[in-house]
Every structure is written in structure tokens, then in C-alpha cells.
């Protein structure tokens, strides 16, 4: 629940006041479940929370990622490829000291 509240403070999730609860408890719209799934997916892809917020905003326009969202995904993929190359070089350097 702490994570959900944290995401709420970052405006990643929406919350509405309960009309039936006099203690002003909050209710979460059903679409938050889908947003939570996307937050988890984007986190697994290496997106920061601020990048995730931007991606969620871009993706709200429709079911499929917009062209700008696809561009951001391609940028992330390029970054990952670059990191893999750097790690492979590091591995080769370390391996050369072992051999």
C-alpha cells in the first residue's frame, strides 16, 4: 500500500474521494490496475519514475503507444544496447586479466 500511495503522490495513479465514506477514505479508479501493470512493465524496461510518468501520459491517448511513445521506447532500447556493449568490453578486460 505504501508503494501505491507513493505512486499517487507522484501523480502516477489517480484517486477520488469516496462519496459513501464519511471519514473521507479514498477510492481508486479501476483503470489504476492497468496503470500499475504499465508502471511495472516500464520499471522492468529500465525507465525511471519520471520517465514512466511521461510514458503513461503519452500512452493515455490510445490502446497502442503513440509514435512519440514508440520513439521513447526506441531511445531506451538504444541506451540498453549501448550499456550491453560497455559491459561486454568490461567483461573482456576482466577476462584478459584472468587468462
N, C-alpha and C. Protein backbone atom coordinates (compact mmCIF):
# COMPACT_ATOMS: atom_id res chain seq x y z
N UNK A 1 0.82 -1.19 0.00
CA UNK A 1 0.00 0.00 0.00
C UNK A 1 0.87 1.26 0.00
N UNK A 2 2.04 1.19 0.64
CA UNK A 2 2.94 2.35 0.64
C UNK A 2 3.36 2.71 -0.78
N UNK A 3 3.62 1.70 -1.59
CA UNK A 3 4.03 1.95 -2.97
C UNK A 3 2.92 2.65 -3.74
N UNK A 4 1.69 2.21 -3.54
CA UNK A 4 0.55 2.83 -4.22
C UNK A 4 0.41 4.28 -3.79
N UNK A 5 0.56 4.55 -2.52
CA UNK A 5 0.49 5.95 -2.05
C UNK A 5 1.63 6.79 -2.62
N UNK A 6 2.81 6.19 -2.72
CA UNK A 6 3.96 6.87 -3.30
C UNK A 6 3.68 7.21 -4.76
N UNK A 7 3.19 6.24 -5.51
CA UNK A 7 2.85 6.48 -6.91
C UNK A 7 1.76 7.56 -7.03
N UNK A 8 0.86 7.55 -6.10
CA UNK A 8 -0.20 8.56 -6.08
C UNK A 8 0.39 9.96 -5.87
N UNK A 9 1.34 10.08 -4.94
CA UNK A 9 1.98 11.37 -4.70
C UNK A 9 2.74 11.86 -5.93
N UNK A 10 3.24 10.92 -6.72
CA UNK A 10 3.96 11.28 -7.95
C UNK A 10 3.01 11.48 -9.13
N UNK A 11 1.72 11.37 -8.86
CA UNK A 11 0.68 11.51 -9.89
C UNK A 11 0.74 10.41 -10.95
N UNK A 12 1.27 9.27 -10.58
CA UNK A 12 1.25 8.13 -11.49
C UNK A 12 -0.10 7.41 -11.43
N UNK A 13 -0.77 7.52 -10.28
CA UNK A 13 -2.08 6.92 -10.09
C UNK A 13 -3.09 8.00 -9.72
N UNK A 14 -4.34 7.74 -10.07
CA UNK A 14 -5.41 8.68 -9.76
C UNK A 14 -6.18 8.19 -8.55
N UNK A 15 -6.75 9.13 -7.83
CA UNK A 15 -7.53 8.80 -6.63
C UNK A 15 -8.73 9.72 -6.58
N UNK A 16 -9.84 9.20 -6.11
CA UNK A 16 -11.04 10.03 -5.95
C UNK A 16 -11.55 9.88 -4.53
N UNK A 17 -12.16 10.94 -4.02
CA UNK A 17 -12.73 10.89 -2.68
C UNK A 17 -13.97 10.00 -2.70
N UNK A 18 -14.16 9.25 -1.65
CA UNK A 18 -15.31 8.37 -1.55
C UNK A 18 -16.55 9.17 -1.18
N UNK A 19 -17.60 8.96 -1.93
CA UNK A 19 -18.87 9.64 -1.64
C UNK A 19 -19.62 8.94 -0.52
N UNK A 20 -19.27 7.70 -0.22
CA UNK A 20 -20.01 6.92 0.78
C UNK A 20 -19.32 6.84 2.13
N UNK A 21 -18.08 7.26 2.21
CA UNK A 21 -17.32 7.12 3.46
C UNK A 21 -17.16 8.48 4.13
N UNK A 22 -17.78 8.65 5.28
CA UNK A 22 -17.70 9.96 5.97
C UNK A 22 -16.29 10.29 6.48
N UNK A 23 -15.41 9.30 6.58
CA UNK A 23 -14.05 9.57 7.04
C UNK A 23 -13.16 10.03 5.89
N UNK A 24 -13.77 10.24 4.74
CA UNK A 24 -13.07 10.72 3.54
C UNK A 24 -12.01 9.74 3.06
N UNK A 25 -12.33 8.44 3.19
CA UNK A 25 -11.43 7.43 2.64
C UNK A 25 -11.40 7.59 1.12
N UNK A 26 -10.35 7.12 0.52
CA UNK A 26 -10.20 7.31 -0.91
C UNK A 26 -10.49 6.02 -1.66
N UNK A 27 -10.97 6.20 -2.87
CA UNK A 27 -11.21 5.06 -3.76
C UNK A 27 -10.31 5.23 -4.98
N UNK A 28 -9.93 4.11 -5.54
CA UNK A 28 -9.06 4.14 -6.72
C UNK A 28 -9.85 3.69 -7.93
N UNK A 29 -9.78 4.45 -9.01
CA UNK A 29 -10.49 4.05 -10.23
C UNK A 29 -9.96 2.72 -10.77
N UNK A 30 -10.82 1.98 -11.46
CA UNK A 30 -10.46 0.67 -12.00
C UNK A 30 -9.28 0.76 -12.96
N UNK A 31 -9.15 1.87 -13.67
CA UNK A 31 -8.05 2.00 -14.65
C UNK A 31 -6.67 2.00 -13.98
N UNK A 32 -6.64 2.22 -12.66
CA UNK A 32 -5.35 2.20 -11.97
C UNK A 32 -4.69 0.83 -12.02
N UNK A 33 -5.49 -0.22 -12.10
CA UNK A 33 -4.90 -1.56 -12.19
C UNK A 33 -4.08 -1.68 -13.47
N UNK A 34 -4.62 -1.19 -14.57
CA UNK A 34 -3.88 -1.21 -15.84
C UNK A 34 -2.65 -0.31 -15.75
N UNK A 35 -2.79 0.85 -15.11
CA UNK A 35 -1.65 1.75 -14.94
C UNK A 35 -0.55 1.09 -14.10
N UNK A 36 -0.95 0.36 -13.06
CA UNK A 36 0.04 -0.35 -12.23
C UNK A 36 0.79 -1.39 -13.05
N UNK A 37 0.08 -2.08 -13.93
CA UNK A 37 0.74 -3.06 -14.80
C UNK A 37 1.75 -2.36 -15.70
N UNK A 38 1.37 -1.20 -16.26
CA UNK A 38 2.30 -0.47 -17.12
C UNK A 38 3.49 0.07 -16.33
N UNK A 39 3.24 0.56 -15.12
CA UNK A 39 4.33 1.05 -14.28
C UNK A 39 5.34 -0.07 -14.05
N UNK A 40 4.83 -1.26 -13.75
CA UNK A 40 5.71 -2.41 -13.51
C UNK A 40 6.48 -2.77 -14.77
N UNK A 41 5.81 -2.80 -15.92
CA UNK A 41 6.48 -3.12 -17.18
C UNK A 41 7.57 -2.11 -17.50
N UNK A 42 7.23 -0.83 -17.35
CA UNK A 42 8.20 0.22 -17.67
C UNK A 42 9.39 0.18 -16.72
N UNK A 43 9.12 -0.13 -15.45
CA UNK A 43 10.20 -0.27 -14.47
C UNK A 43 11.13 -1.41 -14.88
N UNK A 44 10.54 -2.52 -15.32
CA UNK A 44 11.35 -3.67 -15.78
C UNK A 44 12.18 -3.30 -17.00
N UNK A 45 11.70 -2.35 -17.80
CA UNK A 45 12.43 -1.93 -19.00
C UNK A 45 13.49 -0.88 -18.70
N UNK A 46 13.61 -0.50 -17.43
CA UNK A 46 14.66 0.43 -17.03
C UNK A 46 14.25 1.89 -17.03
N UNK A 47 12.96 2.18 -17.12
CA UNK A 47 12.50 3.56 -17.09
C UNK A 47 12.48 4.07 -15.65
N UNK A 48 12.93 5.31 -15.46
CA UNK A 48 12.84 5.94 -14.14
C UNK A 48 11.37 6.29 -13.90
N UNK A 49 11.05 6.69 -12.69
CA UNK A 49 9.66 7.05 -12.40
C UNK A 49 9.23 8.29 -13.17
N UNK A 50 10.14 9.24 -13.36
CA UNK A 50 9.77 10.42 -14.14
C UNK A 50 9.57 10.06 -15.61
N UNK A 51 10.41 9.16 -16.14
CA UNK A 51 10.23 8.67 -17.50
C UNK A 51 8.92 7.88 -17.62
N UNK A 52 8.62 7.12 -16.58
CA UNK A 52 7.39 6.34 -16.55
C UNK A 52 6.18 7.26 -16.60
N UNK A 53 6.21 8.33 -15.82
CA UNK A 53 5.10 9.29 -15.82
C UNK A 53 4.90 9.86 -17.22
N UNK A 54 5.99 10.21 -17.88
CA UNK A 54 5.90 10.77 -19.23
C UNK A 54 5.35 9.72 -20.20
N UNK A 55 5.81 8.49 -20.07
CA UNK A 55 5.32 7.42 -20.95
C UNK A 55 3.84 7.16 -20.73
N UNK A 56 3.40 7.13 -19.48
CA UNK A 56 1.99 6.90 -19.20
C UNK A 56 1.14 8.00 -19.82
N UNK A 57 1.62 9.22 -19.75
CA UNK A 57 0.90 10.34 -20.34
C UNK A 57 0.80 10.17 -21.86
N UNK A 58 1.89 9.76 -22.48
CA UNK A 58 1.88 9.56 -23.93
C UNK A 58 0.97 8.40 -24.34
N UNK A 59 0.87 7.41 -23.48
CA UNK A 59 0.12 6.21 -23.82
C UNK A 59 -1.36 6.32 -23.49
N UNK A 60 -1.77 7.36 -22.77
CA UNK A 60 -3.17 7.53 -22.41
C UNK A 60 -4.05 7.84 -23.60
N UNK A 61 -3.45 8.28 -24.68
CA UNK A 61 -4.22 8.69 -25.86
C UNK A 61 -4.88 7.51 -26.56
N UNK A 62 -4.41 6.31 -26.36
CA UNK A 62 -5.00 5.16 -27.03
C UNK A 62 -4.47 3.86 -26.46
N UNK A 63 -4.94 2.77 -27.04
CA UNK A 63 -4.54 1.45 -26.56
C UNK A 63 -3.10 1.14 -26.93
N UNK A 64 -2.66 1.61 -28.08
CA UNK A 64 -1.30 1.35 -28.54
C UNK A 64 -0.44 2.58 -28.29
N UNK A 65 0.85 2.36 -28.08
CA UNK A 65 1.73 3.52 -27.86
C UNK A 65 1.70 4.47 -29.05
N UNK A 66 1.71 5.75 -28.74
CA UNK A 66 1.75 6.76 -29.79
C UNK A 66 3.12 6.73 -30.47
N UNK A 67 3.24 7.47 -31.56
CA UNK A 67 4.53 7.50 -32.25
C UNK A 67 5.61 8.09 -31.36
N UNK A 68 5.26 9.07 -30.52
CA UNK A 68 6.23 9.64 -29.61
C UNK A 68 6.62 8.63 -28.53
N UNK A 69 5.64 7.86 -28.04
CA UNK A 69 5.95 6.82 -27.06
C UNK A 69 6.86 5.76 -27.68
N UNK A 70 6.59 5.39 -28.94
CA UNK A 70 7.44 4.42 -29.62
C UNK A 70 8.86 4.97 -29.77
N UNK A 71 8.96 6.26 -30.05
CA UNK A 71 10.27 6.90 -30.17
C UNK A 71 11.03 6.80 -28.85
N UNK A 72 10.35 7.04 -27.74
CA UNK A 72 10.98 6.94 -26.41
C UNK A 72 11.42 5.50 -26.13
N UNK A 73 10.60 4.53 -26.55
CA UNK A 73 10.96 3.13 -26.37
C UNK A 73 12.20 2.78 -27.20
N UNK A 74 12.26 3.30 -28.40
CA UNK A 74 13.44 3.06 -29.25
C UNK A 74 14.68 3.69 -28.64
N UNK A 75 14.54 4.88 -28.06
CA UNK A 75 15.67 5.53 -27.39
C UNK A 75 16.16 4.68 -26.23
N UNK A 76 15.22 4.14 -25.46
CA UNK A 76 15.59 3.29 -24.32
C UNK A 76 16.29 2.03 -24.81
N UNK A 77 15.79 1.46 -25.89
CA UNK A 77 16.42 0.27 -26.46
C UNK A 77 17.84 0.57 -26.91
N UNK A 78 18.05 1.72 -27.51
CA UNK A 78 19.38 2.13 -27.94
C UNK A 78 20.32 2.28 -26.74
N UNK A 79 19.81 2.87 -25.67
CA UNK A 79 20.60 3.02 -24.44
C UNK A 79 20.99 1.66 -23.87
N UNK A 80 20.05 0.73 -23.88
CA UNK A 80 20.31 -0.61 -23.36
C UNK A 80 21.39 -1.29 -24.21
N UNK A 81 21.29 -1.16 -25.54
CA UNK A 81 22.30 -1.74 -26.43
C UNK A 81 23.67 -1.15 -26.13
N UNK A 82 23.73 0.15 -25.90
CA UNK A 82 24.99 0.81 -25.58
C UNK A 82 25.57 0.27 -24.27
N UNK A 83 24.72 0.11 -23.27
CA UNK A 83 25.18 -0.41 -21.98
C UNK A 83 25.69 -1.84 -22.12
N UNK A 84 25.00 -2.63 -22.95
CA UNK A 84 25.44 -4.01 -23.17
C UNK A 84 26.84 -4.02 -23.79
N UNK A 85 27.06 -3.14 -24.77
CA UNK A 85 28.40 -3.07 -25.39
C UNK A 85 29.45 -2.68 -24.35
N UNK A 86 29.14 -1.71 -23.50
CA UNK A 86 30.07 -1.29 -22.45
C UNK A 86 30.36 -2.44 -21.49
N UNK A 87 29.33 -3.16 -21.10
CA UNK A 87 29.52 -4.29 -20.20
C UNK A 87 30.33 -5.40 -20.84
N UNK A 88 30.12 -5.62 -22.11
CA UNK A 88 30.90 -6.64 -22.82
C UNK A 88 32.39 -6.26 -22.85
N UNK A 89 32.67 -4.97 -23.06
CA UNK A 89 34.07 -4.51 -23.04
C UNK A 89 34.67 -4.71 -21.65
N UNK A 90 33.89 -4.38 -20.61
CA UNK A 90 34.37 -4.58 -19.25
C UNK A 90 34.64 -6.05 -19.00
N UNK A 91 33.75 -6.90 -19.47
CA UNK A 91 33.92 -8.34 -19.29
C UNK A 91 35.19 -8.82 -19.97
N UNK A 92 35.42 -8.35 -21.21
CA UNK A 92 36.61 -8.73 -21.94
C UNK A 92 37.88 -8.28 -21.21
N UNK A 93 37.85 -7.07 -20.67
CA UNK A 93 39.02 -6.55 -19.93
C UNK A 93 39.28 -7.41 -18.71
N UNK A 94 38.26 -7.70 -17.97
CA UNK A 94 38.41 -8.53 -16.76
C UNK A 94 38.89 -9.92 -17.14
N UNK A 95 38.29 -10.48 -18.19
CA UNK A 95 38.68 -11.82 -18.63
C UNK A 95 40.14 -11.87 -19.06
N UNK A 96 40.63 -10.78 -19.67
CA UNK A 96 42.04 -10.74 -20.10
C UNK A 96 42.98 -10.78 -18.89
N UNK A 97 42.57 -10.22 -17.77
CA UNK A 97 43.41 -10.30 -16.56
C UNK A 97 43.39 -11.68 -15.94
N UNK A 98 42.32 -12.37 -16.13
CA UNK A 98 42.19 -13.73 -15.58
C UNK A 98 43.00 -14.72 -16.40
N UNK A 99 42.96 -14.56 -17.72
CA UNK A 99 43.66 -15.50 -18.63
C UNK A 99 45.11 -15.29 -18.57
